[in-house]
Amino acid sequence: LYADTLKGIDPKNVVVIHLAANVGGIGANREHPAEFFYDNLMMGVELMHQAYKNGVGKFVAIGTVCAYPKFTPVPFKEDDLWIGYPEETNAPYGLAKKMMLVQAQAYRQQYGFNAIFLLPVNLYGPRDNFNLQTSHVIPALIRKAVEAKDRGEKKLSVWGDGSPTREFLYVEDAADGIVAAAEKYNGDQPVNLGSGYEISIRDLAEMIVRLTGFEGKLVWQTDKPNGQPRRGLDVTRAKEYFGWSAQVKFEEGLRRTIEWFKENKSKIK
């Protein structure tokens, strides 16, 4: 892979950004824990190892907020990454991604390989995965609300009781943060990428209902899992290390995402 890609290019001038993942929401994580662990572990291990072997100048590994322990104090600080076990439904995926931090630090120590590790919260935005079998909460709720409105339905079901909190990062902000780190950060410590804005699932669902114009009732499926109780990142390290902070306000990001889905829903399976 690298031999073909780097043909005629000085590999020392190449930065590899590893964004690939086999990923999904709580339901998909519960149904495919082995696949999520194996696929993500092997992707990370092999891509980083081959980058090192082929003399690539820098490797940017993208982890996940799911790597944090279930009961990490909020806001999550990077130094707390190893104080416990991740939330059970996301653990195989989260641990597989966290192994890239171990690998990056080990390769830096032994080989002097410049690999950095970033920890983004859940991303959202236009062109998200709106497949209800594998999507995360924002695209799933947007699709459900828009389609329920179109069909004139009076109820919209949502997993859990609405109490957990989450932090989300608009996709364009995430891209800017990753590029900033690729250009300016060369350290061995993990760095959070987030918006600094924490919202409950209940408030999120109500906001999406309002923005989509769905006028029915939210029905909470309390027999379904909530997932991790709270998620919110300390984002000061990114600002300090490479001068980045999120710019898009959460409601504005939701509006853009909803509009994109409405314009493209006929093409989405």
C-alpha atoms as a PDB file:
ATOM      1  CA  LEU A   1       0.000   0.000   0.000  1.00  0.00           C
ATOM      2  CA  TYR A   2       2.593   2.574   1.071  1.00  0.00           C
ATOM      3  CA  ALA A   3       5.100   1.471  -1.587  1.00  0.00           C
ATOM      4  CA  ASP A   4       2.607   2.244  -4.375  1.00  0.00           C
ATOM      5  CA  THR A   5       1.284   5.438  -2.799  1.00  0.00           C
ATOM      6  CA  LEU A   6       4.722   6.880  -2.077  1.00  0.00           C
ATOM      7  CA  LYS A   7       6.248   6.075  -5.456  1.00  0.00           C
ATOM      8  CA  GLY A   8       8.331   9.069  -6.539  1.00  0.00           C
ATOM      9  CA  ILE A   9       7.669  10.943  -3.278  1.00  0.00           C
ATOM     10  CA  ASP A  10      10.055  11.578  -0.399  1.00  0.00           C
ATOM     11  CA  PRO A  11       8.243   9.791   2.480  1.00  0.00           C
ATOM     12  CA  LYS A  12       9.745  12.181   5.027  1.00  0.00           C
ATOM     13  CA  ASN A  13       7.473  14.882   3.576  1.00  0.00           C
ATOM     14  CA  VAL A  14       4.341  12.741   3.936  1.00  0.00           C
ATOM     15  CA  VAL A  15       1.791  12.984   6.751  1.00  0.00           C
ATOM     16  CA  VAL A  16      -0.614  10.052   7.120  1.00  0.00           C
ATOM     17  CA  ILE A  17      -3.919  10.838   8.845  1.00  0.00           C
ATOM     18  CA  HIS A  18      -5.669   7.635   9.920  1.00  0.00           C
ATOM     19  CA  LEU A  19      -9.418   8.326  10.004  1.00  0.00           C
ATOM     20  CA  ALA A  20     -10.732   4.918   8.953  1.00  0.00           C
ATOM     21  CA  ALA A  21     -12.902   2.958  11.376  1.00  0.00           C
ATOM     22  CA  ASN A  22     -15.573   0.301  11.609  1.00  0.00           C
ATOM     23  CA  VAL A  23     -17.947   2.228  13.844  1.00  0.00           C
ATOM     24  CA  GLY A  24     -21.592   2.563  14.865  1.00  0.00           C
ATOM     25  CA  GLY A  25     -23.991   3.482  17.625  1.00  0.00           C
ATOM     26  CA  ILE A  26     -24.844   1.556  20.789  1.00  0.00           C
ATOM     27  CA  GLY A  27     -26.901  -1.052  18.937  1.00  0.00           C
ATOM     28  CA  ALA A  28     -24.184  -1.801  16.401  1.00  0.00           C
ATOM     29  CA  ASN A  29     -21.552  -1.983  19.165  1.00  0.00           C
ATOM     30  CA  ARG A  30     -23.663  -4.506  21.085  1.00  0.00           C
ATOM     31  CA  GLU A  31     -24.216  -6.682  18.020  1.00  0.00           C
ATOM     32  CA  HIS A  32     -20.689  -6.601  16.565  1.00  0.00           C
ATOM     33  CA  PRO A  33     -18.170  -6.240  19.434  1.00  0.00           C
ATOM     34  CA  ALA A  34     -15.697  -8.731  17.964  1.00  0.00           C
ATOM     35  CA  GLU A  35     -15.725  -7.107  14.530  1.00  0.00           C
ATOM     36  CA  PHE A  36     -15.359  -3.630  15.993  1.00  0.00           C
ATOM     37  CA  PHE A  37     -12.418  -4.740  18.132  1.00  0.00           C
ATOM     38  CA  TYR A  38     -10.565  -6.751  15.486  1.00  0.00           C
ATOM     39  CA  ASP A  39     -11.117  -4.451  12.513  1.00  0.00           C
ATOM     40  CA  ASN A  40     -10.139  -1.271  14.336  1.00  0.00           C
ATOM     41  CA  LEU A  41      -7.184  -2.833  16.133  1.00  0.00           C
ATOM     42  CA  MET A  42      -5.716  -4.300  12.959  1.00  0.00           C
ATOM     43  CA  MET A  43      -6.292  -1.158  10.899  1.00  0.00           C
ATOM     44  CA  GLY A  44      -4.440   0.954  13.430  1.00  0.00           C
ATOM     45  CA  VAL A  45      -1.590  -1.465  14.090  1.00  0.00           C
ATOM     46  CA  GLU A  46      -0.847  -2.217  10.447  1.00  0.00           C
ATOM     47  CA  LEU A  47      -1.208   1.321   9.100  1.00  0.00           C
ATOM     48  CA  MET A  48       1.088   2.790  11.734  1.00  0.00           C
ATOM     49  CA  HIS A  49       3.636  -0.014  11.453  1.00  0.00           C
ATOM     50  CA  GLN A  50       3.807   0.243   7.672  1.00  0.00           C
ATOM     51  CA  ALA A  51       4.073   4.029   7.874  1.00  0.00           C
ATOM     52  CA  TYR A  52       7.091   3.607  10.148  1.00  0.00           C
ATOM     53  CA  LYS A  53       8.652   0.904   7.940  1.00  0.00           C
ATOM     54  CA  ASN A  54       8.278   3.074   4.842  1.00  0.00           C
ATOM     55  CA  GLY A  55       9.843   6.150   6.437  1.00  0.00           C
ATOM     56  CA  VAL A  56       6.727   8.317   6.593  1.00  0.00           C
ATOM     57  CA  GLY A  57       7.451  11.659   8.251  1.00  0.00           C
ATOM     58  CA  LYS A  58       4.406  11.819  10.507  1.00  0.00           C
ATOM     59  CA  PHE A  59       1.398   9.711  11.489  1.00  0.00           C
ATOM     60  CA  VAL A  60      -1.776  11.248  12.938  1.00  0.00           C
ATOM     61  CA  ALA A  61      -3.844   8.616  14.758  1.00  0.00           C
ATOM     62  CA  ILE A  62      -7.490   9.473  15.406  1.00  0.00           C
ATOM     63  CA  GLY A  63      -8.833   7.817  18.544  1.00  0.00           C
ATOM     64  CA  THR A  64     -12.261   8.128  20.145  1.00  0.00           C
ATOM     65  CA  VAL A  65     -13.944   9.512  23.234  1.00  0.00           C
ATOM     66  CA  CYS A  66     -15.161   5.922  23.782  1.00  0.00           C
ATOM     67  CA  ALA A  67     -11.630   5.126  24.979  1.00  0.00           C
ATOM     68  CA  TYR A  68     -12.229   7.026  28.222  1.00  0.00           C
ATOM     69  CA  PRO A  69     -13.249   5.085  31.358  1.00  0.00           C
ATOM     70  CA  LYS A  70     -16.976   4.845  32.054  1.00  0.00           C
ATOM     71  CA  PHE A  71     -16.898   7.049  35.145  1.00  0.00           C
ATOM     72  CA  THR A  72     -14.230   9.558  34.139  1.00  0.00           C
ATOM     73  CA  PRO A  73     -14.781  12.892  35.943  1.00  0.00           C
ATOM     74  CA  VAL A  74     -16.259  15.529  33.628  1.00  0.00           C
ATOM     75  CA  PRO A  75     -14.684  17.311  31.853  1.00  0.00           C
ATOM     76  CA  PHE A  76     -12.526  14.417  30.639  1.00  0.00           C
ATOM     77  CA  LYS A  77      -8.834  15.252  30.937  1.00  0.00           C
ATOM     78  CA  GLU A  78      -6.283  13.396  28.843  1.00  0.00           C
ATOM     79  CA  ASP A  79      -4.405  12.340  31.997  1.00  0.00           C
ATOM     80  CA  ASP A  80      -7.497  10.356  33.094  1.00  0.00           C
ATOM     81  CA  LEU A  81      -7.477   8.068  30.060  1.00  0.00           C
ATOM     82  CA  TRP A  82      -6.189   5.079  32.043  1.00  0.00           C
ATOM     83  CA  ILE A  83      -8.071   5.386  35.361  1.00  0.00           C
ATOM     84  CA  GLY A  84     -10.657   2.706  34.572  1.00  0.00           C
ATOM     85  CA  TYR A  85     -12.466   0.525  32.039  1.00  0.00           C
ATOM     86  CA  PRO A  86     -14.571   2.049  29.224  1.00  0.00           C
ATOM     87  CA  GLU A  87     -18.366   1.883  29.133  1.00  0.00           C
ATOM     88  CA  GLU A  88     -19.178  -1.747  28.404  1.00  0.00           C
ATOM     89  CA  THR A  89     -21.106  -1.403  25.141  1.00  0.00           C
ATOM     90  CA  ASN A  90     -18.291   0.644  23.565  1.00  0.00           C
ATOM     91  CA  ALA A  91     -15.315  -1.032  25.243  1.00  0.00           C
ATOM     92  CA  PRO A  92     -14.095  -3.283  22.386  1.00  0.00           C
ATOM     93  CA  TYR A  93     -14.130  -0.369  19.947  1.00  0.00           C
ATOM     94  CA  GLY A  94     -12.731   2.135  22.437  1.00  0.00           C
ATOM     95  CA  LEU A  95      -9.901  -0.118  23.589  1.00  0.00           C
ATOM     96  CA  ALA A  96      -8.936  -1.028  20.017  1.00  0.00           C
ATOM     97  CA  LYS A  97      -8.599   2.654  19.189  1.00  0.00           C
ATOM     98  CA  LYS A  98      -6.736   3.383  22.432  1.00  0.00           C
ATOM     99  CA  MET A  99      -4.075   0.854  21.468  1.00  0.00           C
ATOM    100  CA  MET A 100      -2.921   3.322  18.817  1.00  0.00           C
ATOM    101  CA  LEU A 101      -1.800   5.622  21.633  1.00  0.00           C
ATOM    102  CA  VAL A 102       0.227   2.782  23.146  1.00  0.00           C
ATOM    103  CA  GLN A 103       1.721   2.003  19.750  1.00  0.00           C
ATOM    104  CA  ALA A 104       2.450   5.654  18.957  1.00  0.00           C
ATOM    105  CA  GLN A 105       4.281   6.190  22.239  1.00  0.00           C
ATOM    106  CA  ALA A 106       6.190   2.904  21.923  1.00  0.00           C
ATOM    107  CA  TYR A 107       7.292   3.627  18.344  1.00  0.00           C
ATOM    108  CA  ARG A 108       8.327   7.141  19.331  1.00  0.00           C
ATOM    109  CA  GLN A 109      10.387   5.794  22.248  1.00  0.00           C
ATOM    110  CA  GLN A 110      12.107   2.961  20.355  1.00  0.00           C
ATOM    111  CA  TYR A 111      12.248   4.229  16.773  1.00  0.00           C
ATOM    112  CA  GLY A 112      11.887   8.009  17.067  1.00  0.00           C
ATOM    113  CA  PHE A 113       8.766   7.781  14.896  1.00  0.00           C
ATOM    114  CA  ASN A 114       6.638  10.939  14.937  1.00  0.00           C
ATOM    115  CA  ALA A 115       3.127   9.627  15.652  1.00  0.00           C
ATOM    116  CA  ILE A 116       0.532  11.744  17.475  1.00  0.00           C
ATOM    117  CA  PHE A 117      -2.829  10.727  18.959  1.00  0.00           C
ATOM    118  CA  LEU A 118      -6.026  12.799  18.947  1.00  0.00           C
ATOM    119  CA  LEU A 119      -9.236  12.075  20.879  1.00  0.00           C
ATOM    120  CA  PRO A 120     -12.317  13.569  19.200  1.00  0.00           C
ATOM    121  CA  VAL A 121     -15.817  13.454  20.630  1.00  0.00           C
ATOM    122  CA  ASN A 122     -18.670  12.184  18.448  1.00  0.00           C
ATOM    123  CA  LEU A 123     -18.738  14.070  15.166  1.00  0.00           C
ATOM    124  CA  TYR A 124     -21.791  15.216  13.230  1.00  0.00           C
ATOM    125  CA  GLY A 125     -22.574  17.175  10.100  1.00  0.00           C
ATOM    126  CA  PRO A 126     -23.545  16.905   6.432  1.00  0.00           C
ATOM    127  CA  ARG A 127     -22.815  13.518   4.804  1.00  0.00           C
ATOM    128  CA  ASP A 128     -22.999  11.722   8.153  1.00  0.00           C
ATOM    129  CA  ASN A 129     -24.095   8.084   8.316  1.00  0.00           C
ATOM    130  CA  PHE A 130     -27.906   8.198   8.431  1.00  0.00           C
ATOM    131  CA  ASN A 131     -28.397   4.414   8.280  1.00  0.00           C
ATOM    132  CA  LEU A 132     -30.555   3.649  11.323  1.00  0.00           C
ATOM    133  CA  GLN A 133     -28.836   0.296  11.868  1.00  0.00           C
ATOM    134  CA  THR A 134     -25.368   1.769  12.342  1.00  0.00           C
ATOM    135  CA  SER A 135     -25.693   5.536  12.854  1.00  0.00           C
ATOM    136  CA  HIS A 136     -24.913   7.572  15.950  1.00  0.00           C
ATOM    137  CA  VAL A 137     -27.516   9.510  17.890  1.00  0.00           C
ATOM    138  CA  ILE A 138     -27.644  12.803  15.957  1.00  0.00           C
ATOM    139  CA  PRO A 139     -28.112  11.428  12.427  1.00  0.00           C
ATOM    140  CA  ALA A 140     -30.489   8.768  13.763  1.00  0.00           C
ATOM    141  CA  LEU A 141     -32.693  11.327  15.518  1.00  0.00           C
ATOM    142  CA  ILE A 142     -32.642  13.693  12.548  1.00  0.00           C
ATOM    143  CA  ARG A 143     -33.746  10.956  10.170  1.00  0.00           C
ATOM    144  CA  LYS A 144     -36.429   9.666  12.533  1.00  0.00           C
ATOM    145  CA  ALA A 145     -37.830  13.151  13.167  1.00  0.00           C
ATOM    146  CA  VAL A 146     -37.886  14.220   9.509  1.00  0.00           C
ATOM    147  CA  GLU A 147     -39.446  10.954   8.341  1.00  0.00           C
ATOM    148  CA  ALA A 148     -41.983  10.942  11.193  1.00  0.00           C
ATOM    149  CA  LYS A 149     -43.019  14.473  10.243  1.00  0.00           C
ATOM    150  CA  ASP A 150     -43.322  13.526   6.567  1.00  0.00           C
ATOM    151  CA  ARG A 151     -45.559  10.568   7.467  1.00  0.00           C
ATOM    152  CA  GLY A 152     -47.679  12.602   9.880  1.00  0.00           C
ATOM    153  CA  GLU A 153     -46.804  10.372  12.840  1.00  0.00           C
ATOM    154  CA  LYS A 154     -47.587  11.438  16.405  1.00  0.00           C
ATOM    155  CA  LYS A 155     -44.787   9.633  18.279  1.00  0.00           C
ATOM    156  CA  LEU A 156     -41.021   9.354  18.009  1.00  0.00           C
ATOM    157  CA  SER A 157     -39.167   6.645  19.955  1.00  0.00           C
ATOM    158  CA  VAL A 158     -35.749   7.364  21.472  1.00  0.00           C
ATOM    159  CA  TRP A 159     -33.439   4.863  23.190  1.00  0.00           C
ATOM    160  CA  GLY A 160     -32.840   5.235  26.947  1.00  0.00           C
ATOM    161  CA  ASP A 161     -34.307   7.723  29.408  1.00  0.00           C
ATOM    162  CA  GLY A 162     -32.666  10.878  28.043  1.00  0.00           C
ATOM    163  CA  SER A 163     -30.477  11.513  31.089  1.00  0.00           C
ATOM    164  CA  PRO A 164     -26.972  10.858  29.678  1.00  0.00           C
ATOM    165  CA  THR A 165     -25.009  13.844  28.435  1.00  0.00           C
ATOM    166  CA  ARG A 166     -22.867  14.041  25.337  1.00  0.00           C
ATOM    167  CA  GLU A 167     -20.546  16.461  23.622  1.00  0.00           C
ATOM    168  CA  PHE A 168     -20.481  16.752  19.847  1.00  0.00           C
ATOM    169  CA  LEU A 169     -18.110  18.347  17.351  1.00  0.00           C
ATOM    170  CA  TYR A 170     -19.144  19.688  13.958  1.00  0.00           C
ATOM    171  CA  VAL A 171     -17.295  17.919  11.160  1.00  0.00           C
ATOM    172  CA  GLU A 172     -15.676  21.056   9.697  1.00  0.00           C
ATOM    173  CA  ASP A 173     -14.329  22.012  13.123  1.00  0.00           C
ATOM    174  CA  ALA A 174     -12.938  18.495  13.502  1.00  0.00           C
ATOM    175  CA  ALA A 175     -11.202  18.722  10.123  1.00  0.00           C
ATOM    176  CA  ASP A 176      -9.660  22.070  11.071  1.00  0.00           C
ATOM    177  CA  GLY A 177      -8.455  20.634  14.391  1.00  0.00           C
ATOM    178  CA  ILE A 178      -6.875  17.597  12.781  1.00  0.00           C
ATOM    179  CA  VAL A 179      -5.075  19.719  10.193  1.00  0.00           C
ATOM    180  CA  ALA A 180      -3.849  22.109  12.891  1.00  0.00           C
ATOM    181  CA  ALA A 181      -2.437  19.188  14.887  1.00  0.00           C
ATOM    182  CA  ALA A 182      -0.846  17.683  11.783  1.00  0.00           C
ATOM    183  CA  GLU A 183       0.889  20.987  11.057  1.00  0.00           C
ATOM    184  CA  LYS A 184       1.862  22.126  14.545  1.00  0.00           C
ATOM    185  CA  TYR A 185       1.861  19.310  17.128  1.00  0.00           C
ATOM    186  CA  ASN A 186       4.644  16.770  17.474  1.00  0.00           C
ATOM    187  CA  GLY A 187       4.276  15.607  21.073  1.00  0.00           C
ATOM    188  CA  ASP A 188       3.742  12.210  22.658  1.00  0.00           C
ATOM    189  CA  GLN A 189       0.685  13.104  24.764  1.00  0.00           C
ATOM    190  CA  PRO A 190      -2.930  12.525  23.633  1.00  0.00           C
ATOM    191  CA  VAL A 191      -4.997  15.613  22.850  1.00  0.00           C
ATOM    192  CA  ASN A 192      -8.786  16.004  23.086  1.00  0.00           C
ATOM    193  CA  LEU A 193     -10.766  17.541  20.233  1.00  0.00           C
ATOM    194  CA  GLY A 194     -14.171  18.803  21.313  1.00  0.00           C
ATOM    195  CA  SER A 195     -16.526  21.746  21.387  1.00  0.00           C
ATOM    196  CA  GLY A 196     -16.619  22.184  25.162  1.00  0.00           C
ATOM    197  CA  TYR A 197     -20.451  22.067  25.015  1.00  0.00           C
ATOM    198  CA  GLU A 198     -22.221  19.267  26.923  1.00  0.00           C
ATOM    199  CA  ILE A 199     -25.913  18.512  26.318  1.00  0.00           C
ATOM    200  CA  SER A 200     -28.299  15.839  27.621  1.00  0.00           C
ATOM    201  CA  ILE A 201     -29.832  13.378  25.178  1.00  0.00           C
ATOM    202  CA  ARG A 202     -33.258  14.652  26.236  1.00  0.00           C
ATOM    203  CA  ASP A 203     -32.358  18.256  25.394  1.00  0.00           C
ATOM    204  CA  LEU A 204     -30.738  17.097  22.160  1.00  0.00           C
ATOM    205  CA  ALA A 205     -33.862  15.208  21.087  1.00  0.00           C
ATOM    206  CA  GLU A 206     -36.081  18.183  21.921  1.00  0.00           C
ATOM    207  CA  MET A 207     -33.807  20.515  19.938  1.00  0.00           C
ATOM    208  CA  ILE A 208     -33.882  18.236  16.889  1.00  0.00           C
ATOM    209  CA  VAL A 209     -37.673  17.946  17.136  1.00  0.00           C
ATOM    210  CA  ARG A 210     -37.939  21.742  17.204  1.00  0.00           C
ATOM    211  CA  LEU A 211     -35.530  22.297  14.312  1.00  0.00           C
ATOM    212  CA  THR A 212     -37.139  19.634  12.098  1.00  0.00           C
ATOM    213  CA  GLY A 213     -40.675  20.814  12.834  1.00  0.00           C
ATOM    214  CA  PHE A 214     -41.902  17.448  14.127  1.00  0.00           C
ATOM    215  CA  GLU A 215     -44.927  18.139  16.332  1.00  0.00           C
ATOM    216  CA  GLY A 216     -45.477  14.727  17.903  1.00  0.00           C
ATOM    217  CA  LYS A 217     -44.461  13.263  21.250  1.00  0.00           C
ATOM    218  CA  LEU A 218     -41.094  11.840  22.279  1.00  0.00           C
ATOM    219  CA  VAL A 219     -41.387   8.321  23.728  1.00  0.00           C
ATOM    220  CA  TRP A 220     -38.414   7.207  25.821  1.00  0.00           C
ATOM    221  CA  GLN A 221     -37.531   3.497  25.534  1.00  0.00           C
ATOM    222  CA  THR A 222     -36.259   3.015  29.067  1.00  0.00           C
ATOM    223  CA  ASP A 223     -35.651  -0.695  28.476  1.00  0.00           C
ATOM    224  CA  LYS A 224     -32.846   0.269  26.062  1.00  0.00           C
ATOM    225  CA  PRO A 225     -29.328   1.109  27.309  1.00  0.00           C
ATOM    226  CA  ASN A 226     -28.254   4.673  28.045  1.00  0.00           C
ATOM    227  CA  GLY A 227     -24.555   4.121  27.418  1.00  0.00           C
ATOM    228  CA  GLN A 228     -21.948   6.162  29.291  1.00  0.00           C
ATOM    229  CA  PRO A 229     -23.589   8.474  31.890  1.00  0.00           C
ATOM    230  CA  ARG A 230     -21.713  11.644  30.897  1.00  0.00           C
ATOM    231  CA  ARG A 231     -19.284  12.738  28.211  1.00  0.00           C
ATOM    232  CA  GLY A 232     -17.610  16.098  28.024  1.00  0.00           C
ATOM    233  CA  LEU A 233     -14.011  16.976  27.237  1.00  0.00           C
ATOM    234  CA  ASP A 234     -11.470  19.359  28.674  1.00  0.00           C
ATOM    235  CA  VAL A 235     -10.359  21.056  25.455  1.00  0.00           C
ATOM    236  CA  THR A 236      -7.654  23.350  26.835  1.00  0.00           C
ATOM    237  CA  ARG A 237      -4.746  21.203  25.657  1.00  0.00           C
ATOM    238  CA  ALA A 238      -5.633  21.603  21.954  1.00  0.00           C
ATOM    239  CA  LYS A 239      -5.745  25.375  22.350  1.00  0.00           C
ATOM    240  CA  GLU A 240      -2.442  25.390  24.215  1.00  0.00           C
ATOM    241  CA  TYR A 241      -0.556  22.920  22.001  1.00  0.00           C
ATOM    242  CA  PHE A 242      -1.665  23.963  18.521  1.00  0.00           C
ATOM    243  CA  GLY A 243      -3.966  26.956  18.863  1.00  0.00           C
ATOM    244  CA  TRP A 244      -7.227  25.251  17.913  1.00  0.00           C
ATOM    245  CA  SER A 245     -10.769  25.639  19.237  1.00  0.00           C
ATOM    246  CA  ALA A 246     -14.180  24.828  17.759  1.00  0.00           C
ATOM    247  CA  GLN A 247     -15.977  27.671  15.965  1.00  0.00           C
ATOM    248  CA  VAL A 248     -19.415  26.365  14.921  1.00  0.00           C
ATOM    249  CA  LYS A 249     -22.148  26.739  17.544  1.00  0.00           C
ATOM    250  CA  PHE A 250     -24.025  23.523  18.233  1.00  0.00           C
ATOM    251  CA  GLU A 251     -27.481  24.633  17.097  1.00  0.00           C
ATOM    252  CA  GLU A 252     -26.054  26.117  13.904  1.00  0.00           C
ATOM    253  CA  GLY A 253     -24.279  22.836  13.175  1.00  0.00           C
ATOM    254  CA  LEU A 254     -27.539  20.951  13.706  1.00  0.00           C
ATOM    255  CA  ARG A 255     -29.373  23.296  11.332  1.00  0.00           C
ATOM    256  CA  ARG A 256     -26.794  22.690   8.607  1.00  0.00           C
ATOM    257  CA  THR A 257     -26.979  18.926   9.130  1.00  0.00           C
ATOM    258  CA  ILE A 258     -30.786  18.846   9.068  1.00  0.00           C
ATOM    259  CA  GLU A 259     -30.902  20.935   5.891  1.00  0.00           C
ATOM    260  CA  TRP A 260     -28.399  18.637   4.201  1.00  0.00           C
ATOM    261  CA  PHE A 261     -30.441  15.568   5.142  1.00  0.00           C
ATOM    262  CA  LYS A 262     -33.686  17.112   3.889  1.00  0.00           C
ATOM    263  CA  GLU A 263     -32.064  17.974   0.564  1.00  0.00           C
ATOM    264  CA  ASN A 264     -30.542  14.507   0.149  1.00  0.00           C
ATOM    265  CA  LYS A 265     -32.966  12.135   1.908  1.00  0.00           C
ATOM    266  CA  SER A 266     -34.217  10.627  -1.358  1.00  0.00           C
ATOM    267  CA  LYS A 267     -30.685   9.326  -2.046  1.00  0.00           C
ATOM    268  CA  ILE A 268     -30.092   7.890   1.443  1.00  0.00           C
ATOM    269  CA  LYS A 269     -30.842   4.240   2.145  1.00  0.00           C
END
